[in-house]
Amino acid sequence: MPGDRLTVEDRRRIAEGLAAGLTYAEIARRLGRSRSTVTREIARNGGPHGYRAARAQQATNWRARRRRRAPHAGVPHTTGDRDLRTAGEFEEQFVAMMIEGGMSPMTARVFAALFLSEGGSLTATELAQRLHVSPATISHATKWLGQRQMIAREREARRVRYFVAEDVWYHTWAASARSIAIWADTTRHGIGIFGADTPTGDRLRTTSQFFELLGHDMGQAAEHWRQALSMQRLR
């Protein structure tokens, strides 16, 4: 077996071990690999909650192709620099999009750093160093994201590692649907207060109908996504 390189079968067994709740050490023992190899593999491919064998294999193939296209293989070094600049510009766009949606700037930056990292996970120290902020700032942002189930966390020895939740957008959508439901309930309640035959009551009725319909459609869309994601996991 070539060094510490993992095979497709190894990755399948890692995924099965995580699903069964095995520790990294136990998974490594069953594979006949070092614990550090297994830890590194899981961390760079979605973490314990988001690791998928097929996805990990695809990421490995992608990294191998990138190495073959590295500067020493004939690709100008400036191409890599330009790629880095483009990635940085996209990250800024990603952050701006989330701020526009109502997320605080620093929380948006923390989430973008996690979401756009290669493995979808970073330690608290890595986040602080990358964003040039204090650990307390990272703690505040990750707490907000964790409460909304957008990220998960796991302690590794003395470090805390954060992961993008696999069904992050389902939870985000569900939170929006709950907010929509509150709007519908509140405006419906207002109709009884102001009277359905008044101009204010009529506006409240129209608003309530809009949010009821929107909430229904959002609920159906979220459930459709949940079912589609479940089918993907079975493949």
Protein backbone atom coordinates (compact mmCIF):
# COMPACT_ATOMS: atom_id res chain seq x y z
CA MET A 1 0.00 0.00 0.00
CA PRO A 2 1.61 3.32 -1.11
CA GLY A 3 2.57 5.24 2.02
CA ASP A 4 -0.30 6.86 3.87
CA ARG A 5 -2.44 7.42 0.78
CA LEU A 6 -5.99 6.30 1.38
CA THR A 7 -7.98 4.24 -1.08
CA VAL A 8 -11.64 4.49 -2.05
CA GLU A 9 -12.33 1.50 0.20
CA ASP A 10 -10.50 3.18 3.10
CA ARG A 11 -12.68 6.24 2.73
CA ARG A 12 -15.82 4.15 2.63
CA ARG A 13 -14.80 2.46 5.87
CA ILE A 14 -14.01 5.81 7.48
CA ALA A 15 -17.50 7.05 6.62
CA GLU A 16 -19.03 3.87 8.04
CA GLY A 17 -16.96 4.21 11.20
CA LEU A 18 -18.09 7.81 11.72
CA ALA A 19 -21.71 6.82 11.16
CA ALA A 20 -21.28 4.08 13.77
CA GLY A 21 -19.88 6.57 16.29
CA LEU A 22 -16.36 5.12 16.39
CA THR A 23 -13.48 7.24 17.63
CA TYR A 24 -10.76 8.35 15.24
CA ALA A 25 -8.34 6.03 17.03
CA GLU A 26 -10.62 3.03 16.54
CA ILE A 27 -11.18 3.82 12.87
CA ALA A 28 -7.43 4.15 12.39
CA ARG A 29 -6.82 0.83 14.18
CA ARG A 30 -9.32 -1.00 11.95
CA LEU A 31 -7.74 0.48 8.83
CA GLY A 32 -4.21 -0.21 9.98
CA ARG A 33 -3.40 3.47 9.58
CA SER A 34 -2.07 6.13 11.90
CA ARG A 35 -4.55 8.21 13.85
CA SER A 36 -3.06 11.39 12.40
CA THR A 37 -3.78 10.15 8.86
CA VAL A 38 -7.43 9.52 9.70
CA THR A 39 -7.78 12.81 11.62
CA ARG A 40 -6.28 14.77 8.73
CA GLU A 41 -8.49 12.98 6.19
CA ILE A 42 -11.69 13.73 8.10
CA ALA A 43 -10.77 17.33 8.93
CA ARG A 44 -9.99 18.28 5.34
CA ASN A 45 -13.14 16.63 3.94
CA GLY A 46 -16.06 18.03 5.89
CA GLY A 47 -15.33 16.94 9.45
CA PRO A 48 -17.03 14.13 11.41
CA HIS A 49 -20.53 15.41 10.63
CA GLY A 50 -20.03 16.17 6.95
CA TYR A 51 -17.58 13.49 5.81
CA ARG A 52 -18.72 11.55 2.73
CA ALA A 53 -16.51 8.94 1.09
CA ALA A 54 -17.38 9.82 -2.51
CA ARG A 55 -16.96 13.53 -1.89
CA ALA A 56 -13.62 12.98 -0.14
CA GLN A 57 -12.37 10.91 -3.08
CA GLN A 58 -13.45 13.61 -5.54
CA ALA A 59 -11.64 16.26 -3.48
CA THR A 60 -8.49 14.12 -3.41
CA ASN A 61 -8.61 13.69 -7.19
CA TRP A 62 -9.09 17.44 -7.58
CA ARG A 63 -6.09 18.21 -5.40
CA ALA A 64 -4.00 15.74 -7.39
CA ARG A 65 -4.97 17.45 -10.64
CA ARG A 66 -4.06 20.82 -9.15
CA ARG A 67 -0.62 19.53 -8.16
CA ARG A 68 -0.06 18.29 -11.70
CA ARG A 69 -0.93 21.78 -12.96
CA ALA A 70 1.43 23.46 -10.47
CA PRO A 71 3.99 26.06 -11.72
CA HIS A 72 6.84 23.54 -12.01
CA ALA A 73 4.66 21.55 -14.44
CA GLY A 74 4.63 24.41 -16.91
CA VAL A 75 1.82 26.65 -15.66
CA PRO A 76 3.02 30.23 -15.10
CA HIS A 77 3.28 31.18 -11.44
CA THR A 78 1.22 34.31 -12.11
CA THR A 79 -1.75 32.11 -12.92
CA GLY A 80 -1.76 30.83 -9.36
CA ASP A 81 -1.49 34.39 -8.03
CA ARG A 82 -4.39 35.45 -10.21
CA ASP A 83 -6.44 32.49 -8.97
CA LEU A 84 -5.75 33.54 -5.39
CA ARG A 85 -6.84 37.10 -6.12
CA THR A 86 -9.99 35.85 -7.81
CA ALA A 87 -10.79 33.59 -4.85
CA GLY A 88 -10.27 36.52 -2.49
CA GLU A 89 -12.58 38.71 -4.55
CA PHE A 90 -15.23 36.00 -4.52
CA GLU A 91 -14.92 35.66 -0.74
CA GLU A 92 -15.57 39.39 -0.41
CA GLN A 93 -18.66 39.03 -2.62
CA PHE A 94 -19.81 36.08 -0.51
CA VAL A 95 -19.40 38.11 2.68
CA ALA A 96 -21.21 41.12 1.18
CA MET A 97 -24.11 38.88 0.14
CA MET A 98 -24.56 37.59 3.70
CA ILE A 99 -24.26 41.07 5.20
CA GLU A 100 -26.95 42.23 2.78
CA GLY A 101 -29.09 39.37 4.10
CA GLY A 102 -28.81 40.68 7.65
CA MET A 103 -25.75 38.90 9.10
CA SER A 104 -23.24 40.99 11.02
CA PRO A 105 -19.97 41.67 9.13
CA MET A 106 -17.68 39.65 11.41
CA THR A 107 -20.07 36.70 11.64
CA ALA A 108 -20.30 36.75 7.84
CA ARG A 109 -16.51 36.70 7.57
CA VAL A 110 -16.21 33.77 9.96
CA PHE A 111 -18.83 31.77 8.09
CA ALA A 112 -17.27 32.60 4.71
CA ALA A 113 -13.84 31.51 5.94
CA LEU A 114 -15.28 28.16 7.03
CA PHE A 115 -17.54 27.63 4.04
CA LEU A 116 -14.87 28.43 1.46
CA SER A 117 -12.05 26.53 3.15
CA GLU A 118 -11.04 23.36 1.33
CA GLY A 119 -12.24 20.99 4.03
CA GLY A 120 -15.15 23.10 5.25
CA SER A 121 -13.57 23.27 8.70
CA LEU A 122 -11.06 25.35 10.65
CA THR A 123 -9.93 25.53 14.25
CA ALA A 124 -10.71 28.55 16.39
CA THR A 125 -7.01 29.48 16.28
CA GLU A 126 -6.91 29.20 12.48
CA LEU A 127 -9.96 31.45 12.19
CA ALA A 128 -8.45 34.06 14.50
CA GLN A 129 -5.16 34.05 12.59
CA ARG A 130 -6.81 34.13 9.19
CA LEU A 131 -9.17 36.99 10.04
CA HIS A 132 -6.68 38.85 12.30
CA VAL A 133 -9.13 39.08 15.21
CA SER A 134 -9.17 37.98 18.83
CA PRO A 135 -10.32 34.52 19.98
CA ALA A 136 -13.19 36.25 21.81
CA THR A 137 -14.42 37.68 18.50
CA ILE A 138 -14.34 34.23 16.92
CA SER A 139 -16.16 32.78 19.92
CA HIS A 140 -18.96 35.35 19.63
CA ALA A 141 -19.45 34.74 15.90
CA THR A 142 -19.32 30.95 16.12
CA LYS A 143 -21.80 30.98 19.01
CA TRP A 144 -24.30 32.87 16.84
CA LEU A 145 -23.75 30.50 13.92
CA GLY A 146 -23.97 27.43 16.15
CA GLN A 147 -27.26 28.54 17.69
CA ARG A 148 -28.72 28.61 14.18
CA GLN A 149 -27.24 25.20 13.33
CA MET A 150 -25.17 26.67 10.52
CA ILE A 151 -21.96 25.23 11.96
CA ALA A 152 -21.00 22.42 14.33
CA ARG A 153 -18.02 22.12 16.65
CA GLU A 154 -15.80 19.38 17.98
CA ARG A 155 -13.00 19.45 20.52
CA GLU A 156 -9.68 18.02 19.35
CA ALA A 157 -7.39 17.68 22.37
CA ARG A 158 -6.96 21.32 23.43
CA ARG A 159 -8.34 22.78 20.23
CA VAL A 160 -11.88 23.50 19.07
CA ARG A 161 -12.64 22.79 15.42
CA TYR A 162 -15.65 24.25 13.64
CA PHE A 163 -17.40 22.64 10.66
CA VAL A 164 -19.96 23.88 8.20
CA ALA A 165 -23.13 21.93 8.98
CA GLU A 166 -23.96 19.55 6.14
CA ASP A 167 -27.59 20.69 5.96
CA VAL A 168 -26.75 24.33 6.71
CA TRP A 169 -29.12 25.72 4.11
CA TYR A 170 -32.00 23.58 5.30
CA HIS A 171 -31.62 24.98 8.81
CA THR A 172 -31.27 28.53 7.45
CA TRP A 173 -34.36 28.10 5.31
CA ALA A 174 -36.29 26.58 8.22
CA ALA A 175 -35.39 29.57 10.41
CA SER A 176 -36.66 31.92 7.71
CA ALA A 177 -39.87 29.88 7.46
CA ARG A 178 -40.40 30.26 11.22
CA SER A 179 -39.95 34.01 10.89
CA ILE A 180 -42.48 34.05 8.05
CA ALA A 181 -44.96 32.12 10.23
CA ILE A 182 -44.64 34.77 12.95
CA TRP A 183 -45.43 37.47 10.42
CA ALA A 184 -48.50 35.56 9.25
CA ASP A 185 -49.77 34.96 12.81
CA THR A 186 -49.16 38.52 13.96
CA THR A 187 -50.86 40.18 11.00
CA ARG A 188 -53.77 37.75 11.26
CA HIS A 189 -54.18 38.73 14.90
CA GLY A 190 -54.17 42.40 13.90
CA ILE A 191 -57.18 41.91 11.62
CA GLY A 192 -59.34 41.18 14.64
CA ILE A 193 -58.06 44.25 16.45
CA PHE A 194 -58.52 46.80 13.66
CA GLY A 195 -61.47 45.11 11.94
CA ALA A 196 -61.53 43.34 8.60
CA ASP A 197 -63.69 46.11 7.08
CA THR A 198 -61.17 48.89 7.81
CA PRO A 199 -58.32 50.00 5.54
CA THR A 200 -55.77 48.90 8.16
CA GLY A 201 -57.50 45.54 8.59
CA ASP A 202 -57.55 45.06 4.82
CA ARG A 203 -53.81 45.69 4.60
CA LEU A 204 -53.22 43.25 7.44
CA ARG A 205 -55.39 40.62 5.75
CA THR A 206 -53.49 40.94 2.47
CA THR A 207 -50.18 40.76 4.34
CA SER A 208 -51.26 37.71 6.32
CA GLN A 209 -52.39 35.89 3.17
CA PHE A 210 -49.07 36.65 1.50
CA PHE A 211 -47.00 35.30 4.37
CA GLU A 212 -49.22 32.23 4.81
CA LEU A 213 -48.75 31.33 1.14
CA LEU A 214 -45.03 32.08 1.26
CA GLY A 215 -44.57 30.01 4.42
CA HIS A 216 -46.41 27.07 2.88
CA ASP A 217 -44.25 27.16 -0.25
CA MET A 218 -41.05 27.50 1.81
CA GLY A 219 -42.04 24.51 3.92
CA GLN A 220 -42.63 22.37 0.83
CA ALA A 221 -39.32 23.47 -0.70
CA ALA A 222 -37.43 22.63 2.51
CA GLU A 223 -39.01 19.18 2.72
CA HIS A 224 -38.23 18.52 -0.95
CA TRP A 225 -34.58 19.38 -0.29
CA ARG A 226 -34.47 17.15 2.79
CA GLN A 227 -35.76 14.20 0.75
CA ALA A 228 -33.31 14.91 -2.09
CA LEU A 229 -30.41 15.06 0.38
CA SER A 230 -31.50 11.77 1.95
CA MET A 231 -31.49 10.12 -1.49
CA GLN A 232 -27.98 11.43 -2.17
CA ARG A 233 -26.73 9.93 1.09
CA LEU A 234 -28.09 6.53 0.12
CA ARG A 235 -26.15 6.44 -3.14
